[in-house]
């Protein structure tokens, strides 16, 4: 049982890593797929083009769809009801419930000509723009679609997903797209169809990415992390050799434990710096290094907490024998477990908040 729990936590570290360059495929038998949550910065009225948020890319298929399904970009207010309704067992009903609050809000050329630009009908024709792109000059070159996000009041999170639902343009009602069309093209079968997607989410115009290189690829809640990592990394580069020299001369158990904690933190910083620098360049980074950096950071903090507990008991200061060992190590173990659980929860809650 403990092994299974450990495996789940380990997999969480190395799987739940977000990026701004999203590639993959979606099968209609999945029904719903959440792709990414991204925070777009507040739009500066004096530099609007440079501070808009952009989502752009390509969504295609190698097969013909009888009806186009839906690519949705929603803010939190629209997303919560839509997301919670995806688990309804009857998928025909699920499509109707998911979109019931969006029918009067989302733009559609026939059903709601004055709505917001929230959906794209996918897949897009190969080599052409998506059918919903009615202003071709607004689409980033070599891409099939572009969303321009304006947050005039404050930064906001936007949620991107795909769902096997299509809108009947005659009745303006939503239906479940079950799969490939039948041989006579009159009905839908349960044979799944695949869509390939490749798109970016960025803060600032893609044509002016040099304007804010250190912010461009990052969700607003992660902006300036590269600068912070670099500052701390430089501090460690200077101070860690001093600490290592001190522990070699003093050979005291407290300084040894403290130095080991610092070394773990320094390695974690190196991993995070490498990941963040590459992320700033390509929007992907090194997912494995980022996860390893988080793990080492937790280990460093947990080890430092053990040092504080030992010092509070006077170990290696007033006495060499440690009393109340079960209590000390019990508190330390509880701290470590809580730290790991909070990390996992914080990583998973990105969908619901």
Protein backbone atom coordinates (compact mmCIF):
# COMPACT_ATOMS: atom_id res chain seq x y z
CA UNK A 1 0.00 0.00 0.00
CA UNK A 2 2.78 2.44 0.95
CA UNK A 3 4.60 1.54 -2.26
CA UNK A 4 1.50 2.38 -4.34
CA UNK A 5 1.04 5.74 -2.60
CA UNK A 6 4.72 6.53 -3.15
CA UNK A 7 4.42 5.61 -6.82
CA UNK A 8 1.42 7.91 -7.28
CA UNK A 9 3.25 10.82 -5.66
CA UNK A 10 6.38 10.16 -7.74
CA UNK A 11 4.36 10.08 -10.97
CA UNK A 12 2.62 13.31 -10.00
CA UNK A 13 5.99 15.04 -9.71
CA UNK A 14 7.02 14.05 -13.21
CA UNK A 15 3.72 14.28 -15.10
CA UNK A 16 1.92 17.40 -13.96
CA UNK A 17 4.25 19.96 -15.51
CA UNK A 18 2.68 22.71 -17.60
CA UNK A 19 4.10 24.45 -20.66
CA UNK A 20 3.03 27.19 -23.07
CA UNK A 21 3.76 25.18 -26.21
CA UNK A 22 1.10 22.48 -26.29
CA UNK A 23 1.30 19.54 -28.70
CA UNK A 24 -0.63 16.29 -28.78
CA UNK A 25 -3.68 14.51 -30.10
CA UNK A 26 -7.31 14.23 -29.09
CA UNK A 27 -9.55 11.25 -29.78
CA UNK A 28 -13.31 11.70 -29.99
CA UNK A 29 -13.83 8.70 -27.68
CA UNK A 30 -12.17 10.71 -24.85
CA UNK A 31 -15.18 13.08 -25.04
CA UNK A 32 -13.40 15.83 -23.05
CA UNK A 33 -9.74 16.81 -22.70
CA UNK A 34 -8.43 19.63 -20.53
CA UNK A 35 -5.30 21.01 -22.18
CA UNK A 36 -3.89 23.88 -20.12
CA UNK A 37 -4.56 26.69 -17.68
CA UNK A 38 -2.69 29.91 -18.47
CA UNK A 39 -2.61 33.32 -16.81
CA UNK A 40 -2.70 36.30 -19.14
CA UNK A 41 -1.33 39.58 -17.83
CA UNK A 42 -3.25 42.84 -17.43
CA UNK A 43 -3.39 44.80 -20.68
CA UNK A 44 -1.60 48.14 -20.55
CA UNK A 45 -3.78 50.70 -22.36
CA UNK A 46 -0.66 52.58 -23.50
CA UNK A 47 1.00 49.47 -24.95
CA UNK A 48 -1.92 47.27 -25.88
CA UNK A 49 -0.37 45.25 -28.69
CA UNK A 50 2.69 44.48 -26.57
CA UNK A 51 0.63 43.38 -23.55
CA UNK A 52 -2.28 41.47 -25.11
CA UNK A 53 -2.37 37.73 -24.54
CA UNK A 54 -2.25 35.46 -27.58
CA UNK A 55 -3.24 31.86 -28.31
CA UNK A 56 -2.29 30.69 -31.78
CA UNK A 57 -1.51 27.46 -33.57
CA UNK A 58 -2.80 24.65 -35.76
CA UNK A 59 -5.47 21.98 -35.25
CA UNK A 60 -5.88 19.45 -38.04
CA UNK A 61 -6.95 15.87 -38.76
CA UNK A 62 -6.06 13.26 -41.35
CA UNK A 63 -9.69 12.14 -41.63
CA UNK A 64 -12.93 13.89 -42.53
CA UNK A 65 -15.31 14.91 -39.74
CA UNK A 66 -19.02 14.96 -40.51
CA UNK A 67 -19.48 17.81 -38.02
CA UNK A 68 -16.79 20.03 -36.48
CA UNK A 69 -16.28 19.53 -32.75
CA UNK A 70 -15.28 22.24 -30.28
CA UNK A 71 -12.07 23.90 -29.10
CA UNK A 72 -12.94 26.12 -26.12
CA UNK A 73 -11.00 28.98 -24.49
CA UNK A 74 -12.88 30.10 -21.36
CA UNK A 75 -12.27 32.33 -18.37
CA UNK A 76 -13.02 31.05 -14.87
CA UNK A 77 -16.58 32.37 -14.78
CA UNK A 78 -17.56 30.40 -17.86
CA UNK A 79 -15.33 27.40 -17.21
CA UNK A 80 -16.54 26.07 -13.84
CA UNK A 81 -20.06 24.99 -14.87
CA UNK A 82 -18.78 23.77 -18.24
CA UNK A 83 -16.04 21.67 -16.60
CA UNK A 84 -18.20 20.18 -13.83
CA UNK A 85 -20.85 19.03 -16.32
CA UNK A 86 -18.40 16.93 -18.34
CA UNK A 87 -18.91 13.90 -16.05
CA UNK A 88 -22.61 13.44 -16.87
CA UNK A 89 -22.93 9.83 -18.04
CA UNK A 90 -25.29 10.57 -20.94
CA UNK A 91 -22.91 12.48 -23.23
CA UNK A 92 -25.73 13.85 -25.38
CA UNK A 93 -27.16 15.46 -22.24
CA UNK A 94 -23.67 16.43 -21.09
CA UNK A 95 -23.12 18.48 -24.25
CA UNK A 96 -26.38 20.34 -23.72
CA UNK A 97 -25.70 21.07 -20.05
CA UNK A 98 -22.05 22.06 -20.59
CA UNK A 99 -22.98 24.71 -23.12
CA UNK A 100 -26.30 25.91 -21.72
CA UNK A 101 -24.66 28.91 -20.01
CA UNK A 102 -22.51 29.63 -23.05
CA UNK A 103 -25.19 29.72 -25.74
CA UNK A 104 -25.98 33.36 -25.04
CA UNK A 105 -22.34 34.35 -24.53
CA UNK A 106 -20.20 32.63 -27.17
CA UNK A 107 -20.06 33.91 -30.74
CA UNK A 108 -21.46 31.90 -33.61
CA UNK A 109 -22.16 33.43 -37.06
CA UNK A 110 -25.68 31.98 -37.20
CA UNK A 111 -26.74 31.35 -33.60
CA UNK A 112 -25.20 34.34 -31.77
CA UNK A 113 -23.60 36.96 -33.98
CA UNK A 114 -22.87 39.32 -31.05
CA UNK A 115 -21.17 36.89 -28.67
CA UNK A 116 -17.60 36.62 -27.39
CA UNK A 117 -14.86 34.83 -29.30
CA UNK A 118 -14.65 31.65 -27.18
CA UNK A 119 -14.87 28.68 -29.57
CA UNK A 120 -13.21 27.30 -32.67
CA UNK A 121 -14.82 24.62 -34.79
CA UNK A 122 -12.21 21.95 -35.32
CA UNK A 123 -10.44 20.36 -37.08
CA UNK A 124 -9.40 23.24 -39.32
CA UNK A 125 -8.92 22.54 -43.06
CA UNK A 126 -5.31 21.61 -43.80
CA UNK A 127 -3.36 24.52 -45.23
CA UNK A 128 -6.23 26.94 -44.52
CA UNK A 129 -7.49 29.08 -41.66
CA UNK A 130 -10.11 27.79 -39.25
CA UNK A 131 -13.64 28.54 -40.45
CA UNK A 132 -14.23 30.91 -37.51
CA UNK A 133 -11.33 33.18 -38.47
CA UNK A 134 -13.27 35.96 -40.22
CA UNK A 135 -10.39 38.46 -39.97
CA UNK A 136 -7.42 36.75 -41.68
CA UNK A 137 -5.10 39.70 -41.03
CA UNK A 138 -5.47 39.02 -37.30
CA UNK A 139 -4.09 35.46 -37.56
CA UNK A 140 -0.40 34.96 -36.81
CA UNK A 141 1.48 33.85 -39.93
CA UNK A 142 1.82 30.09 -40.54
CA UNK A 143 -1.00 29.38 -38.06
CA UNK A 144 -4.65 28.47 -38.55
CA UNK A 145 -6.18 30.35 -35.63
CA UNK A 146 -5.42 33.18 -33.21
CA UNK A 147 -7.12 34.36 -30.05
CA UNK A 148 -6.30 37.84 -28.75
CA UNK A 149 -6.92 38.08 -25.00
CA UNK A 150 -7.52 41.49 -23.43
CA UNK A 151 -7.64 41.78 -19.62
CA UNK A 152 -8.40 45.43 -18.95
CA UNK A 153 -9.08 45.14 -15.21
CA UNK A 154 -6.62 42.59 -13.86
CA UNK A 155 -4.69 39.45 -14.89
CA UNK A 156 -6.91 36.41 -15.37
CA UNK A 157 -6.56 32.68 -15.88
CA UNK A 158 -7.98 31.18 -19.05
CA UNK A 159 -8.72 27.47 -19.52
CA UNK A 160 -8.26 25.64 -22.81
CA UNK A 161 -10.00 22.36 -23.64
CA UNK A 162 -11.45 20.17 -26.40
CA UNK A 163 -14.79 18.39 -26.30
CA UNK A 164 -16.62 16.02 -28.66
CA UNK A 165 -19.68 18.23 -28.97
CA UNK A 166 -20.96 20.02 -32.06
CA UNK A 167 -23.53 22.76 -32.61
CA UNK A 168 -26.44 22.08 -34.97
CA UNK A 169 -26.56 25.30 -36.99
CA UNK A 170 -30.24 24.80 -37.86
CA UNK A 171 -31.64 24.31 -34.35
CA UNK A 172 -28.69 25.93 -32.47
CA UNK A 173 -28.57 22.96 -30.08
CA UNK A 174 -25.56 20.97 -28.94
CA UNK A 175 -25.07 17.26 -29.62
CA UNK A 176 -22.52 14.56 -28.88
CA UNK A 177 -20.13 13.68 -31.70
CA UNK A 178 -19.80 9.92 -31.20
CA UNK A 179 -17.30 9.14 -33.95
CA UNK A 180 -16.65 8.70 -37.66
CA UNK A 181 -19.55 9.01 -40.11
CA UNK A 182 -21.15 5.88 -41.54
CA UNK A 183 -20.39 4.73 -45.08
CA UNK A 184 -23.45 6.57 -46.43
CA UNK A 185 -22.46 9.71 -44.43
CA UNK A 186 -25.92 9.95 -42.89
CA UNK A 187 -25.25 8.91 -39.30
CA UNK A 188 -22.37 8.77 -36.83
CA UNK A 189 -20.69 5.56 -35.69
CA UNK A 190 -18.69 4.89 -32.52
CA UNK A 191 -15.39 4.66 -34.41
CA UNK A 192 -13.05 7.25 -32.84
CA UNK A 193 -11.41 9.98 -34.90
CA UNK A 194 -8.14 11.71 -34.06
CA UNK A 195 -7.32 15.43 -34.05
CA UNK A 196 -3.73 16.72 -33.87
CA UNK A 197 -3.03 20.04 -32.15
CA UNK A 198 0.02 22.27 -31.84
CA UNK A 199 -0.45 25.72 -30.33
CA UNK A 200 1.14 28.39 -28.12
CA UNK A 201 -0.06 30.60 -25.26
CA UNK A 202 1.99 33.76 -24.70
CA UNK A 203 1.90 37.16 -23.03
CA UNK A 204 2.67 39.82 -25.62
CA UNK A 205 2.59 39.92 -29.39
CA UNK A 206 4.42 37.04 -31.14
CA UNK A 207 5.67 39.61 -33.64
CA UNK A 208 7.27 41.59 -30.80
CA UNK A 209 8.55 38.77 -28.59
CA UNK A 210 11.87 40.59 -28.12
CA UNK A 211 9.94 43.35 -26.30
CA UNK A 212 9.41 41.22 -23.18
CA UNK A 213 11.61 38.14 -23.64
CA UNK A 214 11.64 37.30 -19.91
CA UNK A 215 7.81 37.43 -19.66
CA UNK A 216 6.66 36.26 -23.10
CA UNK A 217 6.42 32.50 -22.51
CA UNK A 218 5.30 32.64 -18.86
CA UNK A 219 1.85 32.59 -17.32
CA UNK A 220 1.46 35.79 -15.27
CA UNK A 221 1.71 33.84 -11.99
CA UNK A 222 5.13 32.55 -13.10
CA UNK A 223 6.54 35.78 -14.50
CA UNK A 224 9.83 37.04 -13.03
CA UNK A 225 10.69 33.57 -11.69
CA UNK A 226 13.72 33.41 -13.99
CA UNK A 227 15.18 36.59 -12.49
CA UNK A 228 14.54 35.31 -8.95
CA UNK A 229 16.16 31.95 -9.65
CA UNK A 230 19.21 33.67 -11.15
CA UNK A 231 19.60 36.02 -8.15
CA UNK A 232 19.44 33.14 -5.65
CA UNK A 233 21.72 31.00 -7.83
CA UNK A 234 24.37 33.75 -7.83
CA UNK A 235 24.07 34.07 -4.04
CA UNK A 236 24.63 30.33 -3.65
CA UNK A 237 27.58 30.41 -6.07
CA UNK A 238 29.28 32.92 -3.77
CA UNK A 239 28.23 31.66 -0.32
CA UNK A 240 28.16 27.86 -0.76
CA UNK A 241 31.96 27.49 -1.28
CA UNK A 242 32.46 29.51 1.92
CA UNK A 243 30.15 27.15 3.82
CA UNK A 244 31.88 24.07 2.38
CA UNK A 245 35.26 25.47 3.46
CA UNK A 246 33.86 26.10 6.96
CA UNK A 247 32.52 22.55 7.35
CA UNK A 248 35.88 21.09 6.27
CA UNK A 249 37.69 23.03 9.00
CA UNK A 250 35.12 22.73 11.83
CA UNK A 251 33.84 19.17 11.25
CA UNK A 252 30.84 19.81 13.51
CA UNK A 253 27.66 17.68 12.99
CA UNK A 254 25.44 20.78 12.89
CA UNK A 255 27.46 22.44 10.13
CA UNK A 256 27.61 19.15 8.21
CA UNK A 257 23.82 18.77 8.27
CA UNK A 258 23.33 22.43 7.35
CA UNK A 259 25.82 22.19 4.47
CA UNK A 260 24.13 19.07 3.09
CA UNK A 261 20.83 20.95 3.11
CA UNK A 262 22.44 23.88 1.25
CA UNK A 263 23.99 21.57 -1.35
CA UNK A 264 20.59 19.99 -2.08
CA UNK A 265 19.04 23.43 -2.44
CA UNK A 266 21.84 24.56 -4.76
CA UNK A 267 21.37 21.52 -7.02
CA UNK A 268 17.61 22.21 -7.05
CA UNK A 269 18.31 25.81 -8.07
CA UNK A 270 20.62 24.66 -10.88
CA UNK A 271 17.88 22.38 -12.23
CA UNK A 272 15.25 25.13 -11.99
CA UNK A 273 17.51 27.70 -13.65
CA UNK A 274 18.21 25.35 -16.59
CA UNK A 275 14.52 24.54 -16.97
CA UNK A 276 13.39 28.17 -16.72
CA UNK A 277 16.00 29.48 -19.17
CA UNK A 278 14.98 26.90 -21.77
CA UNK A 279 11.30 27.54 -21.00
CA UNK A 280 11.83 31.24 -21.74
CA UNK A 281 13.17 30.22 -25.16
CA UNK A 282 10.81 27.45 -26.31
CA UNK A 283 7.83 27.40 -23.92
CA UNK A 284 8.54 23.80 -22.90
CA UNK A 285 11.77 23.66 -20.89
CA UNK A 286 13.07 20.50 -19.24
CA UNK A 287 10.03 19.00 -17.49
CA UNK A 288 12.10 16.26 -15.82
CA UNK A 289 14.64 18.73 -14.45
CA UNK A 290 11.88 20.98 -13.12
CA UNK A 291 10.26 18.08 -11.27
CA UNK A 292 13.63 16.90 -9.95
CA UNK A 293 14.35 20.44 -8.77
CA UNK A 294 11.06 20.52 -6.85
CA UNK A 295 11.84 17.16 -5.23
CA UNK A 296 15.32 18.27 -4.15
CA UNK A 297 13.90 21.55 -2.85
CA UNK A 298 11.45 19.63 -0.66
CA UNK A 299 14.26 17.38 0.57
CA UNK A 300 16.41 20.41 1.41
CA UNK A 301 13.62 22.15 3.33
CA UNK A 302 12.74 18.95 5.18
CA UNK A 303 16.37 18.38 6.15
CA UNK A 304 16.65 21.98 7.35
CA UNK A 305 13.53 21.46 9.49
CA UNK A 306 15.17 18.38 11.04
CA UNK A 307 18.21 20.52 11.87
CA UNK A 308 16.01 23.11 13.61
CA UNK A 309 14.27 20.40 15.64
CA UNK A 310 17.60 18.92 16.71
CA UNK A 311 18.96 22.33 17.70
CA UNK A 312 15.79 23.02 19.69
CA UNK A 313 16.54 19.86 21.67
CA UNK A 314 20.12 21.04 22.25
CA UNK A 315 21.68 18.26 20.16
CA UNK A 316 25.40 18.84 19.43
CA UNK A 317 25.19 22.12 21.37
CA UNK A 318 24.65 21.23 25.03
CA UNK A 319 24.52 17.45 24.64
CA UNK A 320 25.39 14.73 22.14
CA UNK A 321 22.64 12.35 23.23
CA UNK A 322 19.23 13.09 21.75
CA UNK A 323 16.19 12.67 24.01
CA UNK A 324 12.56 12.10 22.93
CA UNK A 325 13.70 10.63 19.62
CA UNK A 326 10.25 9.26 18.61
CA UNK A 327 8.67 12.70 19.16
CA UNK A 328 11.37 14.59 17.24
CA UNK A 329 11.42 12.26 14.27
CA UNK A 330 7.62 11.92 14.36
CA UNK A 331 7.22 15.70 14.01
CA UNK A 332 9.86 15.73 11.27
CA UNK A 333 8.16 12.90 9.37
CA UNK A 334 4.77 14.62 9.66
CA UNK A 335 6.28 17.85 8.31
CA UNK A 336 7.77 16.02 5.34
CA UNK A 337 4.51 14.23 4.50
CA UNK A 338 2.47 17.44 4.75
CA UNK A 339 5.01 19.24 2.55
CA UNK A 340 4.71 16.55 -0.14
CA UNK A 341 0.90 16.46 0.04
CA UNK A 342 0.70 20.26 -0.25
CA UNK A 343 2.97 20.15 -3.28
CA UNK A 344 0.82 17.50 -4.96
CA UNK A 345 -2.39 19.39 -4.12
CA UNK A 346 -0.96 22.67 -5.41
CA UNK A 347 0.06 20.96 -8.64
CA UNK A 348 -3.32 19.32 -9.19
CA UNK A 349 -5.59 22.21 -8.21
CA UNK A 350 -4.70 24.20 -11.36
CA UNK A 351 -7.91 22.98 -13.02
CA UNK A 352 -10.33 23.93 -10.26
CA UNK A 353 -9.10 27.37 -9.20
